[in-house]
Amino acid sequence: MSAPTLILASASPARAALLRSAGVEPDIRPADVDEEAILAEAATAARVNALPVPEAVALLARAKAEAITQASHARVSDAPTAPAVVVGCDSLLELDGAGLGKPHTAELARQRWRRMRGRSGILHSGHHVIRLDSGAVAFAVSSTTVHFADLTDAEIDAYVDTGEPLAVAGAFTIDGLGGAFVTGVDGDPHGVVGLSLPLLRTMLASLDLAWVDLWHRRND
């Protein structure tokens, strides 16, 4: 049997690099969903101003996985000897009860770091996995406490000027320039990157797929 295909419903270079470093070559198919509209509709239905952050990342991960499943199913349904799974992910940093996504602007990134420095937040990463041949589903949330260094204003300005924090959840990375500003984590560090490898392994097992079967082997 051919190795299973992992379809990553994300444009995140960090998630793709993490999978590749773990021996898995993902099929990258970024999902195009209106995240704000999805969260607003869900909050309205629940009669709350905002969903709890773990619920929000789980909902967005599901939306992304389902969007790519609908677009991809026909491409793999005729290949039963090569199972495929769609993996949707979404991450937010919870600080003071609010979920912080990508700041997009330098000013907002600076404001967030002035709040974050010397403190701790919880990085929540939602995972939603759909096996295309059977339609079986697994979902879970990885939550890791992140401890931030007490940066100076000059360090914040220098970091923001690199552009890195503008396009990542919580305005920081642990696997890039921002790694020097994270003093420790309590939980799975992979989840801070945006995809928990140990969690994904157990989710795949629940769908009767072995993680080691996804490894890219040189003799394939």
N, C-alpha and C. Protein backbone atom coordinates (compact mmCIF):
# COMPACT_ATOMS: atom_id res chain seq x y z
N MET A 1 0.84 -1.19 0.00
CA MET A 1 0.00 0.00 0.00
C MET A 1 0.88 1.24 0.00
N SER A 2 0.48 2.26 -0.79
CA SER A 2 1.22 3.51 -0.81
C SER A 2 1.07 4.23 0.52
N ALA A 3 2.04 5.10 0.80
CA ALA A 3 1.99 5.86 2.04
C ALA A 3 0.78 6.80 2.04
N PRO A 4 0.14 6.98 3.18
CA PRO A 4 -0.99 7.92 3.25
C PRO A 4 -0.54 9.33 2.89
N THR A 5 -1.47 10.12 2.41
CA THR A 5 -1.21 11.52 2.08
C THR A 5 -1.77 12.41 3.16
N LEU A 6 -0.97 13.35 3.63
CA LEU A 6 -1.44 14.33 4.60
C LEU A 6 -1.62 15.66 3.88
N ILE A 7 -2.86 16.09 3.78
CA ILE A 7 -3.19 17.36 3.14
C ILE A 7 -3.28 18.43 4.22
N LEU A 8 -2.41 19.41 4.17
CA LEU A 8 -2.39 20.47 5.17
C LEU A 8 -3.18 21.67 4.69
N ALA A 9 -4.28 21.94 5.37
CA ALA A 9 -5.17 23.04 4.97
C ALA A 9 -4.69 24.35 5.58
N SER A 10 -3.44 24.68 5.33
CA SER A 10 -2.82 25.85 5.94
C SER A 10 -1.70 26.36 5.06
N ALA A 11 -1.55 27.68 5.03
CA ALA A 11 -0.45 28.28 4.28
C ALA A 11 0.75 28.56 5.17
N SER A 12 0.69 28.13 6.43
CA SER A 12 1.75 28.43 7.40
C SER A 12 3.06 27.74 7.02
N PRO A 13 4.11 28.50 6.73
CA PRO A 13 5.41 27.88 6.46
C PRO A 13 5.94 27.12 7.67
N ALA A 14 5.62 27.60 8.88
CA ALA A 14 6.12 26.95 10.09
C ALA A 14 5.51 25.57 10.26
N ARG A 15 4.21 25.43 10.00
CA ARG A 15 3.57 24.12 10.12
C ARG A 15 4.14 23.15 9.08
N ALA A 16 4.30 23.64 7.85
CA ALA A 16 4.84 22.78 6.79
C ALA A 16 6.27 22.35 7.13
N ALA A 17 7.08 23.29 7.62
CA ALA A 17 8.46 22.97 7.97
C ALA A 17 8.52 21.98 9.13
N LEU A 18 7.61 22.12 10.09
CA LEU A 18 7.57 21.22 11.23
C LEU A 18 7.27 19.79 10.77
N LEU A 19 6.30 19.64 9.88
CA LEU A 19 5.98 18.32 9.36
C LEU A 19 7.15 17.72 8.60
N ARG A 20 7.78 18.54 7.77
CA ARG A 20 8.91 18.03 6.97
C ARG A 20 10.07 17.61 7.86
N SER A 21 10.31 18.38 8.92
CA SER A 21 11.40 18.01 9.83
C SER A 21 11.10 16.72 10.57
N ALA A 22 9.80 16.37 10.66
CA ALA A 22 9.40 15.13 11.32
C ALA A 22 9.22 13.98 10.33
N GLY A 23 9.62 14.20 9.08
CA GLY A 23 9.60 13.13 8.09
C GLY A 23 8.34 13.01 7.27
N VAL A 24 7.46 14.02 7.36
CA VAL A 24 6.19 13.97 6.62
C VAL A 24 6.18 15.08 5.58
N GLU A 25 5.95 14.73 4.32
CA GLU A 25 5.87 15.71 3.25
C GLU A 25 4.39 16.05 3.00
N PRO A 26 3.93 17.22 3.43
CA PRO A 26 2.52 17.54 3.29
C PRO A 26 2.16 18.01 1.89
N ASP A 27 0.92 17.77 1.53
CA ASP A 27 0.33 18.34 0.33
C ASP A 27 -0.34 19.64 0.79
N ILE A 28 0.24 20.78 0.42
CA ILE A 28 -0.22 22.07 0.93
C ILE A 28 -1.40 22.59 0.11
N ARG A 29 -2.54 22.74 0.78
CA ARG A 29 -3.74 23.29 0.13
C ARG A 29 -4.39 24.27 1.12
N PRO A 30 -3.95 25.52 1.14
CA PRO A 30 -4.48 26.48 2.11
C PRO A 30 -5.98 26.69 1.97
N ALA A 31 -6.65 26.77 3.09
CA ALA A 31 -8.09 26.99 3.11
C ALA A 31 -8.38 28.48 3.12
N ASP A 32 -9.36 28.89 2.34
CA ASP A 32 -9.78 30.29 2.29
C ASP A 32 -11.14 30.40 2.96
N VAL A 33 -11.13 30.75 4.24
CA VAL A 33 -12.39 30.90 4.98
C VAL A 33 -12.41 32.27 5.64
N ASP A 34 -13.60 32.78 5.88
CA ASP A 34 -13.77 34.08 6.54
C ASP A 34 -13.80 33.85 8.04
N GLU A 35 -12.64 33.93 8.67
CA GLU A 35 -12.53 33.59 10.08
C GLU A 35 -13.37 34.50 10.96
N GLU A 36 -13.35 35.78 10.70
CA GLU A 36 -14.12 36.70 11.53
C GLU A 36 -15.61 36.42 11.44
N ALA A 37 -16.11 36.14 10.23
CA ALA A 37 -17.53 35.86 10.06
C ALA A 37 -17.93 34.57 10.77
N ILE A 38 -17.06 33.56 10.69
CA ILE A 38 -17.34 32.28 11.34
C ILE A 38 -17.44 32.45 12.84
N LEU A 39 -16.49 33.18 13.42
CA LEU A 39 -16.50 33.38 14.87
C LEU A 39 -17.67 34.26 15.31
N ALA A 40 -17.97 35.27 14.51
CA ALA A 40 -19.08 36.16 14.85
C ALA A 40 -20.41 35.41 14.83
N GLU A 41 -20.61 34.57 13.83
CA GLU A 41 -21.84 33.80 13.73
C GLU A 41 -21.98 32.83 14.91
N ALA A 42 -20.87 32.18 15.27
CA ALA A 42 -20.91 31.24 16.37
C ALA A 42 -21.17 31.95 17.69
N ALA A 43 -20.56 33.12 17.88
CA ALA A 43 -20.77 33.87 19.11
C ALA A 43 -22.22 34.34 19.22
N THR A 44 -22.78 34.75 18.10
CA THR A 44 -24.18 35.19 18.09
C THR A 44 -25.10 34.03 18.45
N ALA A 45 -24.82 32.87 17.87
CA ALA A 45 -25.65 31.69 18.15
C ALA A 45 -25.54 31.28 19.62
N ALA A 46 -24.37 31.48 20.21
CA ALA A 46 -24.17 31.12 21.62
C ALA A 46 -24.57 32.25 22.57
N ARG A 47 -24.94 33.39 22.00
CA ARG A 47 -25.34 34.56 22.77
C ARG A 47 -24.24 35.03 23.71
N VAL A 48 -23.03 35.11 23.17
CA VAL A 48 -21.88 35.62 23.91
C VAL A 48 -21.16 36.63 23.03
N ASN A 49 -20.36 37.48 23.67
CA ASN A 49 -19.59 38.47 22.90
C ASN A 49 -18.47 37.80 22.11
N ALA A 50 -17.88 36.77 22.70
CA ALA A 50 -16.79 36.05 22.03
C ALA A 50 -16.72 34.64 22.58
N LEU A 51 -16.38 33.70 21.72
CA LEU A 51 -16.23 32.32 22.16
C LEU A 51 -14.98 32.18 23.04
N PRO A 52 -14.98 31.23 23.98
CA PRO A 52 -13.73 30.91 24.68
C PRO A 52 -12.66 30.56 23.65
N VAL A 53 -11.44 30.94 23.92
CA VAL A 53 -10.38 30.79 22.92
C VAL A 53 -10.20 29.34 22.44
N PRO A 54 -10.21 28.33 23.34
CA PRO A 54 -10.09 26.96 22.82
C PRO A 54 -11.22 26.59 21.86
N GLU A 55 -12.44 27.05 22.14
CA GLU A 55 -13.56 26.77 21.23
C GLU A 55 -13.37 27.48 19.90
N ALA A 56 -12.82 28.69 19.94
CA ALA A 56 -12.62 29.45 18.71
C ALA A 56 -11.62 28.76 17.78
N VAL A 57 -10.49 28.31 18.33
CA VAL A 57 -9.49 27.66 17.45
C VAL A 57 -9.99 26.32 16.94
N ALA A 58 -10.78 25.62 17.75
CA ALA A 58 -11.35 24.34 17.30
C ALA A 58 -12.32 24.57 16.15
N LEU A 59 -13.14 25.62 16.27
CA LEU A 59 -14.12 25.92 15.22
C LEU A 59 -13.43 26.31 13.92
N LEU A 60 -12.41 27.14 14.01
CA LEU A 60 -11.71 27.57 12.80
C LEU A 60 -10.93 26.42 12.15
N ALA A 61 -10.34 25.56 12.96
CA ALA A 61 -9.65 24.40 12.41
C ALA A 61 -10.63 23.51 11.65
N ARG A 62 -11.82 23.34 12.22
CA ARG A 62 -12.85 22.53 11.56
C ARG A 62 -13.27 23.15 10.24
N ALA A 63 -13.49 24.48 10.24
CA ALA A 63 -13.91 25.16 9.01
C ALA A 63 -12.89 25.00 7.90
N LYS A 64 -11.62 25.08 8.26
CA LYS A 64 -10.57 24.95 7.25
C LYS A 64 -10.49 23.53 6.72
N ALA A 65 -10.56 22.56 7.63
CA ALA A 65 -10.48 21.17 7.19
C ALA A 65 -11.67 20.81 6.31
N GLU A 66 -12.85 21.27 6.69
CA GLU A 66 -14.05 20.94 5.89
C GLU A 66 -14.02 21.62 4.53
N ALA A 67 -13.49 22.84 4.46
CA ALA A 67 -13.43 23.54 3.17
C ALA A 67 -12.52 22.80 2.20
N ILE A 68 -11.37 22.34 2.67
CA ILE A 68 -10.45 21.64 1.79
C ILE A 68 -10.95 20.23 1.49
N THR A 69 -11.64 19.63 2.44
CA THR A 69 -12.22 18.30 2.17
C THR A 69 -13.19 18.36 1.02
N GLN A 70 -14.05 19.37 1.01
CA GLN A 70 -15.03 19.52 -0.07
C GLN A 70 -14.36 19.72 -1.41
N ALA A 71 -13.26 20.48 -1.40
CA ALA A 71 -12.56 20.77 -2.65
C ALA A 71 -11.65 19.63 -3.10
N SER A 72 -11.22 18.78 -2.16
CA SER A 72 -10.20 17.78 -2.46
C SER A 72 -10.72 16.37 -2.61
N HIS A 73 -11.91 16.09 -2.13
CA HIS A 73 -12.37 14.70 -2.04
C HIS A 73 -12.32 13.97 -3.37
N ALA A 74 -12.75 14.62 -4.43
CA ALA A 74 -12.78 13.97 -5.74
C ALA A 74 -11.39 13.62 -6.24
N ARG A 75 -10.38 14.36 -5.79
CA ARG A 75 -9.03 14.13 -6.29
C ARG A 75 -8.42 12.85 -5.73
N VAL A 76 -8.91 12.40 -4.56
CA VAL A 76 -8.27 11.24 -3.94
C VAL A 76 -9.23 10.07 -3.74
N SER A 77 -10.53 10.29 -3.97
CA SER A 77 -11.49 9.24 -3.67
C SER A 77 -11.33 8.03 -4.57
N ASP A 78 -10.65 8.18 -5.72
CA ASP A 78 -10.47 7.05 -6.61
C ASP A 78 -9.17 6.31 -6.34
N ALA A 79 -8.54 6.60 -5.18
CA ALA A 79 -7.28 5.94 -4.86
C ALA A 79 -7.35 5.30 -3.48
N PRO A 80 -8.14 4.24 -3.32
CA PRO A 80 -8.35 3.65 -2.00
C PRO A 80 -7.08 3.03 -1.40
N THR A 81 -6.08 2.72 -2.26
CA THR A 81 -4.85 2.15 -1.73
C THR A 81 -3.95 3.20 -1.10
N ALA A 82 -4.32 4.47 -1.22
CA ALA A 82 -3.52 5.55 -0.65
C ALA A 82 -4.43 6.46 0.17
N PRO A 83 -4.69 6.10 1.42
CA PRO A 83 -5.57 6.92 2.26
C PRO A 83 -5.04 8.35 2.37
N ALA A 84 -5.94 9.28 2.48
CA ALA A 84 -5.54 10.68 2.63
C ALA A 84 -6.33 11.30 3.77
N VAL A 85 -5.67 12.20 4.48
CA VAL A 85 -6.33 12.94 5.55
C VAL A 85 -6.10 14.42 5.34
N VAL A 86 -7.13 15.19 5.66
CA VAL A 86 -7.01 16.64 5.65
C VAL A 86 -6.80 17.10 7.09
N VAL A 87 -5.81 17.94 7.30
CA VAL A 87 -5.51 18.47 8.63
C VAL A 87 -5.72 19.98 8.62
N GLY A 88 -6.71 20.43 9.39
CA GLY A 88 -6.95 21.86 9.55
C GLY A 88 -6.45 22.31 10.90
N CYS A 89 -5.82 23.48 10.94
CA CYS A 89 -5.26 23.99 12.20
C CYS A 89 -5.55 25.48 12.32
N ASP A 90 -5.62 25.93 13.57
CA ASP A 90 -5.71 27.37 13.82
C ASP A 90 -5.15 27.65 15.20
N SER A 91 -4.49 28.78 15.35
CA SER A 91 -3.85 29.11 16.63
C SER A 91 -4.20 30.52 17.08
N LEU A 92 -4.34 30.68 18.39
CA LEU A 92 -4.54 31.99 19.02
C LEU A 92 -3.82 31.98 20.36
N LEU A 93 -3.29 33.13 20.73
CA LEU A 93 -2.67 33.29 22.04
C LEU A 93 -3.71 33.89 22.98
N GLU A 94 -3.97 33.18 24.08
CA GLU A 94 -4.91 33.70 25.07
C GLU A 94 -4.16 34.53 26.10
N LEU A 95 -4.54 35.80 26.21
CA LEU A 95 -3.95 36.71 27.19
C LEU A 95 -5.07 37.54 27.79
N ASP A 96 -5.19 37.50 29.09
CA ASP A 96 -6.27 38.21 29.79
C ASP A 96 -7.64 37.79 29.28
N GLY A 97 -7.76 36.51 28.90
CA GLY A 97 -9.04 35.98 28.47
C GLY A 97 -9.41 36.23 27.02
N ALA A 98 -8.59 37.00 26.30
CA ALA A 98 -8.87 37.31 24.90
C ALA A 98 -7.95 36.52 23.99
N GLY A 99 -8.42 36.19 22.79
CA GLY A 99 -7.63 35.47 21.82
C GLY A 99 -6.94 36.42 20.87
N LEU A 100 -5.63 36.35 20.81
CA LEU A 100 -4.84 37.24 19.95
C LEU A 100 -4.33 36.47 18.74
N GLY A 101 -4.73 36.92 17.57
CA GLY A 101 -4.27 36.29 16.34
C GLY A 101 -3.10 37.05 15.74
N LYS A 102 -3.08 37.17 14.43
CA LYS A 102 -2.01 37.89 13.75
C LYS A 102 -2.27 39.40 13.86
N PRO A 103 -1.29 40.19 14.29
CA PRO A 103 -1.54 41.62 14.44
C PRO A 103 -1.60 42.37 13.11
N HIS A 104 -0.89 41.88 12.11
CA HIS A 104 -0.87 42.46 10.76
C HIS A 104 -0.19 43.82 10.67
N THR A 105 -0.34 44.70 11.66
CA THR A 105 0.29 46.01 11.61
C THR A 105 1.38 46.12 12.67
N ALA A 106 2.37 46.95 12.38
CA ALA A 106 3.48 47.13 13.31
C ALA A 106 3.01 47.75 14.62
N GLU A 107 2.12 48.70 14.55
CA GLU A 107 1.66 49.36 15.78
C GLU A 107 0.94 48.39 16.69
N LEU A 108 0.09 47.55 16.13
CA LEU A 108 -0.63 46.58 16.96
C LEU A 108 0.34 45.56 17.54
N ALA A 109 1.34 45.15 16.77
CA ALA A 109 2.34 44.21 17.27
C ALA A 109 3.09 44.82 18.45
N ARG A 110 3.44 46.10 18.36
CA ARG A 110 4.13 46.77 19.47
C ARG A 110 3.24 46.82 20.71
N GLN A 111 1.97 47.17 20.51
CA GLN A 111 1.04 47.23 21.63
C GLN A 111 0.93 45.88 22.33
N ARG A 112 0.84 44.82 21.55
CA ARG A 112 0.70 43.50 22.15
C ARG A 112 1.94 43.11 22.94
N TRP A 113 3.11 43.39 22.38
CA TRP A 113 4.33 43.01 23.08
C TRP A 113 4.51 43.81 24.37
N ARG A 114 4.03 45.02 24.41
CA ARG A 114 4.10 45.79 25.65
C ARG A 114 3.19 45.19 26.72
N ARG A 115 2.13 44.53 26.28
CA ARG A 115 1.25 43.81 27.22
C ARG A 115 1.84 42.46 27.60
N MET A 116 2.49 41.81 26.67
CA MET A 116 2.96 40.44 26.87
C MET A 116 4.26 40.34 27.65
N ARG A 117 5.13 41.32 27.53
CA ARG A 117 6.48 41.19 28.08
C ARG A 117 6.46 40.95 29.59
N GLY A 118 7.28 40.01 29.99
CA GLY A 118 7.37 39.67 31.41
C GLY A 118 6.20 38.88 31.94
N ARG A 119 5.31 38.45 31.04
CA ARG A 119 4.10 37.74 31.46
C ARG A 119 4.03 36.37 30.77
N SER A 120 2.92 35.69 31.00
CA SER A 120 2.68 34.38 30.38
C SER A 120 1.32 34.38 29.69
N GLY A 121 1.24 33.66 28.60
CA GLY A 121 -0.02 33.47 27.89
C GLY A 121 -0.18 32.01 27.53
N ILE A 122 -1.34 31.65 27.02
CA ILE A 122 -1.59 30.26 26.62
C ILE A 122 -1.82 30.22 25.11
N LEU A 123 -0.97 29.47 24.43
CA LEU A 123 -1.10 29.32 22.98
C LEU A 123 -1.98 28.10 22.72
N HIS A 124 -3.16 28.36 22.17
CA HIS A 124 -4.10 27.30 21.83
C HIS A 124 -4.02 27.02 20.33
N SER A 125 -3.87 25.76 19.97
CA SER A 125 -3.86 25.35 18.56
C SER A 125 -4.93 24.28 18.35
N GLY A 126 -5.92 24.62 17.54
CA GLY A 126 -6.97 23.66 17.21
C GLY A 126 -6.53 22.76 16.08
N HIS A 127 -6.92 21.49 16.16
CA HIS A 127 -6.60 20.49 15.13
C HIS A 127 -7.89 19.78 14.73
N HIS A 128 -8.13 19.69 13.43
CA HIS A 128 -9.30 18.96 12.94
C HIS A 128 -8.83 18.08 11.77
N VAL A 129 -9.02 16.79 11.90
CA VAL A 129 -8.52 15.83 10.90
C VAL A 129 -9.69 15.06 10.32
N ILE A 130 -9.73 14.98 9.01
CA ILE A 130 -10.78 14.24 8.30
C ILE A 130 -10.13 13.21 7.39
N ARG A 131 -10.51 11.95 7.56
CA ARG A 131 -10.04 10.90 6.66
C ARG A 131 -10.97 10.87 5.46
N LEU A 132 -10.43 11.08 4.26
CA LEU A 132 -11.27 11.29 3.09
C LEU A 132 -11.99 10.03 2.62
N ASP A 133 -11.37 8.86 2.75
CA ASP A 133 -12.02 7.67 2.21
C ASP A 133 -13.20 7.22 3.05
N SER A 134 -13.17 7.48 4.35
CA SER A 134 -14.25 7.02 5.22
C SER A 134 -15.09 8.16 5.80
N GLY A 135 -14.55 9.37 5.76
CA GLY A 135 -15.24 10.49 6.36
C GLY A 135 -15.06 10.57 7.87
N ALA A 136 -14.26 9.67 8.45
CA ALA A 136 -14.03 9.68 9.89
C ALA A 136 -13.30 10.96 10.31
N VAL A 137 -13.63 11.43 11.51
CA VAL A 137 -13.13 12.72 11.97
C VAL A 137 -12.50 12.59 13.35
N ALA A 138 -11.46 13.39 13.58
CA ALA A 138 -10.87 13.52 14.91
C ALA A 138 -10.56 14.99 15.13
N PHE A 139 -10.77 15.46 16.35
CA PHE A 139 -10.47 16.87 16.63
C PHE A 139 -10.01 17.03 18.07
N ALA A 140 -9.14 18.01 18.27
CA ALA A 140 -8.58 18.25 19.61
C ALA A 140 -7.90 19.62 19.61
N VAL A 141 -7.63 20.10 20.82
CA VAL A 141 -6.95 21.39 20.99
C VAL A 141 -5.71 21.18 21.85
N SER A 142 -4.60 21.72 21.40
CA SER A 142 -3.35 21.72 22.16
C SER A 142 -3.24 23.07 22.85
N SER A 143 -2.96 23.07 24.15
CA SER A 143 -2.83 24.31 24.91
C SER A 143 -1.50 24.31 25.67
N THR A 144 -0.67 25.28 25.39
CA THR A 144 0.66 25.36 25.98
C THR A 144 0.89 26.75 26.58
N THR A 145 1.31 26.78 27.82
CA THR A 145 1.62 28.06 28.47
C THR A 145 2.99 28.54 28.01
N VAL A 146 3.04 29.79 27.58
CA VAL A 146 4.28 30.39 27.07
C VAL A 146 4.69 31.53 27.99
N HIS A 147 5.95 31.51 28.42
CA HIS A 147 6.49 32.55 29.30
C HIS A 147 7.37 33.49 28.48
N PHE A 148 7.06 34.77 28.54
CA PHE A 148 7.76 35.76 27.74
C PHE A 148 8.79 36.54 28.55
N ALA A 149 9.91 36.87 27.92
CA ALA A 149 10.93 37.68 28.55
C ALA A 149 10.43 39.11 28.72
N ASP A 150 11.04 39.82 29.63
CA ASP A 150 10.67 41.21 29.88
C ASP A 150 11.47 42.10 28.93
N LEU A 151 10.99 42.23 27.72
CA LEU A 151 11.71 42.96 26.68
C LEU A 151 11.74 44.47 26.96
N THR A 152 12.80 45.11 26.51
CA THR A 152 12.87 46.56 26.54
C THR A 152 12.09 47.11 25.35
N ASP A 153 11.79 48.39 25.40
CA ASP A 153 11.11 49.02 24.27
C ASP A 153 11.96 48.91 23.00
N ALA A 154 13.27 49.04 23.17
CA ALA A 154 14.17 48.96 22.00
C ALA A 154 14.13 47.56 21.38
N GLU A 155 14.07 46.52 22.22
CA GLU A 155 13.99 45.16 21.70
C GLU A 155 12.66 44.93 20.98
N ILE A 156 11.58 45.46 21.54
CA ILE A 156 10.28 45.32 20.88
C ILE A 156 10.30 45.99 19.52
N ASP A 157 10.83 47.22 19.48
CA ASP A 157 10.89 47.95 18.21
C ASP A 157 11.73 47.19 17.19
N ALA A 158 12.86 46.67 17.62
CA ALA A 158 13.74 45.94 16.70
C ALA A 158 13.06 44.69 16.18
N TYR A 159 12.37 43.97 17.05
CA TYR A 159 11.68 42.75 16.63
C TYR A 159 10.55 43.06 15.67
N VAL A 160 9.76 44.06 16.00
CA VAL A 160 8.65 44.42 15.11
C VAL A 160 9.17 44.87 13.75
N ASP A 161 10.30 45.58 13.74
CA ASP A 161 10.86 46.06 12.48
C ASP A 161 11.30 44.94 11.56
N THR A 162 11.53 43.73 12.10
CA THR A 162 11.88 42.60 11.23
C THR A 162 10.68 42.13 10.41
N GLY A 163 9.48 42.46 10.86
CA GLY A 163 8.27 42.02 10.18
C GLY A 163 7.76 40.67 10.61
N GLU A 164 8.59 39.89 11.32
CA GLU A 164 8.18 38.54 11.69
C GLU A 164 6.91 38.48 12.53
N PRO A 165 6.77 39.31 13.57
CA PRO A 165 5.59 39.15 14.43
C PRO A 165 4.28 39.59 13.81
N LEU A 166 4.32 40.25 12.67
CA LEU A 166 3.08 40.77 12.09
C LEU A 166 2.18 39.67 11.54
N ALA A 167 2.76 38.56 11.11
CA ALA A 167 1.99 37.54 10.40
C ALA A 167 1.87 36.23 11.16
N VAL A 168 2.06 36.27 12.49
CA VAL A 168 1.96 35.05 13.28
C VAL A 168 1.05 35.28 14.48
N ALA A 169 0.34 34.24 14.88
CA ALA A 169 -0.58 34.34 16.01
C ALA A 169 0.16 34.73 17.28
N GLY A 170 -0.38 35.72 17.97
CA GLY A 170 0.24 36.17 19.20
C GLY A 170 1.42 37.09 19.01
N ALA A 171 1.79 37.38 17.77
CA ALA A 171 2.89 38.28 17.44
C ALA A 171 4.26 37.76 17.88
N PHE A 172 4.42 36.44 17.89
CA PHE A 172 5.72 35.88 18.24
C PHE A 172 5.89 34.52 17.60
N THR A 173 7.15 34.09 17.52
CA THR A 173 7.47 32.72 17.11
C THR A 173 8.36 32.11 18.18
N ILE A 174 8.37 30.80 18.22
CA ILE A 174 9.31 30.10 19.10
C ILE A 174 10.43 29.47 18.28
N ASP A 175 10.21 29.37 16.97
CA ASP A 175 11.17 28.70 16.09
C ASP A 175 11.85 29.68 15.14
N GLY A 176 11.76 30.97 15.46
CA GLY A 176 12.38 31.98 14.60
C GLY A 176 13.07 33.04 15.44
N LEU A 177 13.03 34.28 14.99
CA LEU A 177 13.68 35.37 15.71
C LEU A 177 13.09 35.55 17.11
N GLY A 178 11.81 35.25 17.25
CA GLY A 178 11.15 35.43 18.53
C GLY A 178 11.55 34.40 19.58
N GLY A 179 12.27 33.36 19.18
CA GLY A 179 12.64 32.32 20.13
C GLY A 179 13.46 32.84 21.30
N ALA A 180 14.24 33.89 21.08
CA ALA A 180 15.07 34.44 22.15
C ALA A 180 14.24 35.17 23.20
N PHE A 181 12.97 35.43 22.88
CA PHE A 181 12.12 36.17 23.79
C PHE A 181 11.13 35.27 24.53
N VAL A 182 11.27 33.97 24.34
CA VAL A 182 10.43 33.00 25.05
C VAL A 182 11.32 32.31 26.08
N THR A 183 11.05 32.55 27.37
CA THR A 183 11.92 32.01 28.41
C THR A 183 11.59 30.58 28.81
N GLY A 184 10.40 30.10 28.41
CA GLY A 184 10.04 28.73 28.73
C GLY A 184 8.62 28.42 28.30
N VAL A 185 8.30 27.14 28.22
CA VAL A 185 6.94 26.72 27.89
C VAL A 185 6.54 25.58 28.83
N ASP A 186 5.27 25.53 29.16
CA ASP A 186 4.71 24.42 29.92
C ASP A 186 3.72 23.71 29.02
N GLY A 187 4.15 22.57 28.46
CA GLY A 187 3.32 21.84 27.52
C GLY A 187 4.12 21.48 26.29
N ASP A 188 3.42 21.23 25.20
CA ASP A 188 4.05 20.78 23.97
C ASP A 188 4.57 21.96 23.16
N PRO A 189 5.88 22.11 22.95
CA PRO A 189 6.39 23.23 22.15
C PRO A 189 5.96 23.19 20.70
N HIS A 190 5.67 21.98 20.17
CA HIS A 190 5.20 21.91 18.79
C HIS A 190 3.86 22.64 18.64
N GLY A 191 3.03 22.56 19.68
CA GLY A 191 1.75 23.26 19.63
C GLY A 191 1.91 24.75 19.51
N VAL A 192 3.02 25.29 20.05
CA VAL A 192 3.29 26.72 19.96
C VAL A 192 3.62 27.10 18.51
N VAL A 193 4.25 26.20 17.79
CA VAL A 193 4.53 26.42 16.37
C VAL A 193 3.22 26.41 15.57
N GLY A 194 2.22 25.70 16.10
CA GLY A 194 0.92 25.70 15.43
C GLY A 194 0.38 24.33 15.08
N LEU A 195 1.16 23.27 15.38
CA LEU A 195 0.72 21.93 15.08
C LEU A 195 1.41 20.97 16.05
N SER A 196 0.64 20.34 16.92
CA SER A 196 1.21 19.43 17.91
C SER A 196 1.43 18.05 17.29
N LEU A 197 2.69 17.68 17.12
CA LEU A 197 2.99 16.37 16.51
C LEU A 197 2.51 15.21 17.38
N PRO A 198 2.74 15.22 18.71
CA PRO A 198 2.24 14.10 19.51
C PRO A 198 0.72 13.99 19.47
N LEU A 199 0.04 15.13 19.47
CA LEU A 199 -1.42 15.11 19.42
C LEU A 199 -1.89 14.59 18.06
N LEU A 200 -1.26 15.05 16.99
CA LEU A 200 -1.65 14.60 15.66
C LEU A 200 -1.43 13.10 15.51
N ARG A 201 -0.37 12.59 16.10
CA ARG A 201 -0.12 11.14 16.04
C ARG A 201 -1.27 10.36 16.65
N THR A 202 -1.75 10.77 17.83
CA THR A 202 -2.84 10.05 18.48
C THR A 202 -4.15 10.23 17.72
N MET A 203 -4.34 11.38 17.11
CA MET A 203 -5.56 11.61 16.32
C MET A 203 -5.58 10.70 15.10
N LEU A 204 -4.44 10.59 14.43
CA LEU A 204 -4.37 9.70 13.27
C LEU A 204 -4.60 8.24 13.68
N ALA A 205 -4.07 7.86 14.83
CA ALA A 205 -4.27 6.49 15.31
C ALA A 205 -5.75 6.21 15.53
N SER A 206 -6.50 7.22 15.98
CA SER A 206 -7.94 7.03 16.18
C SER A 206 -8.67 6.85 14.86
N LEU A 207 -8.02 7.22 13.77
CA LEU A 207 -8.59 7.04 12.43
C LEU A 207 -7.95 5.85 11.71
N ASP A 208 -7.29 4.97 12.49
CA ASP A 208 -6.66 3.77 11.96
C ASP A 208 -5.53 4.07 10.98
N LEU A 209 -4.78 5.12 11.26
CA LEU A 209 -3.61 5.45 10.46
C LEU A 209 -2.41 5.58 11.39
N ALA A 210 -1.31 4.96 11.00
CA ALA A 210 -0.09 5.00 11.81
C ALA A 210 0.78 6.17 11.39
N TRP A 211 1.24 6.93 12.37
CA TRP A 211 2.09 8.08 12.09
C TRP A 211 3.32 7.68 11.28
N VAL A 212 3.93 6.55 11.63
CA VAL A 212 5.17 6.16 10.95
C VAL A 212 4.94 5.84 9.47
N ASP A 213 3.69 5.54 9.11
CA ASP A 213 3.41 5.27 7.70
C ASP A 213 3.43 6.53 6.84
N LEU A 214 3.40 7.70 7.51
CA LEU A 214 3.45 8.97 6.78
C LEU A 214 4.87 9.43 6.52
N TRP A 215 5.84 8.77 7.17
CA TRP A 215 7.21 9.19 6.98
C TRP A 215 7.62 9.05 5.51
N HIS A 216 8.32 10.04 5.04
CA HIS A 216 8.87 10.00 3.68
C HIS A 216 10.12 9.14 3.70
N ARG A 217 10.09 8.03 3.00
CA ARG A 217 11.24 7.12 2.96
C ARG A 217 11.99 7.26 1.66
N ARG A 218 13.30 7.28 1.75
CA ARG A 218 14.12 7.52 0.57
C ARG A 218 13.99 6.41 -0.46
N ASN A 219 13.58 5.22 -0.04
CA ASN A 219 13.48 4.12 -1.00
C ASN A 219 12.08 3.96 -1.54
N ASP A 220 11.17 4.95 -1.26
CA ASP A 220 9.81 4.86 -1.83
C ASP A 220 9.86 5.01 -3.33
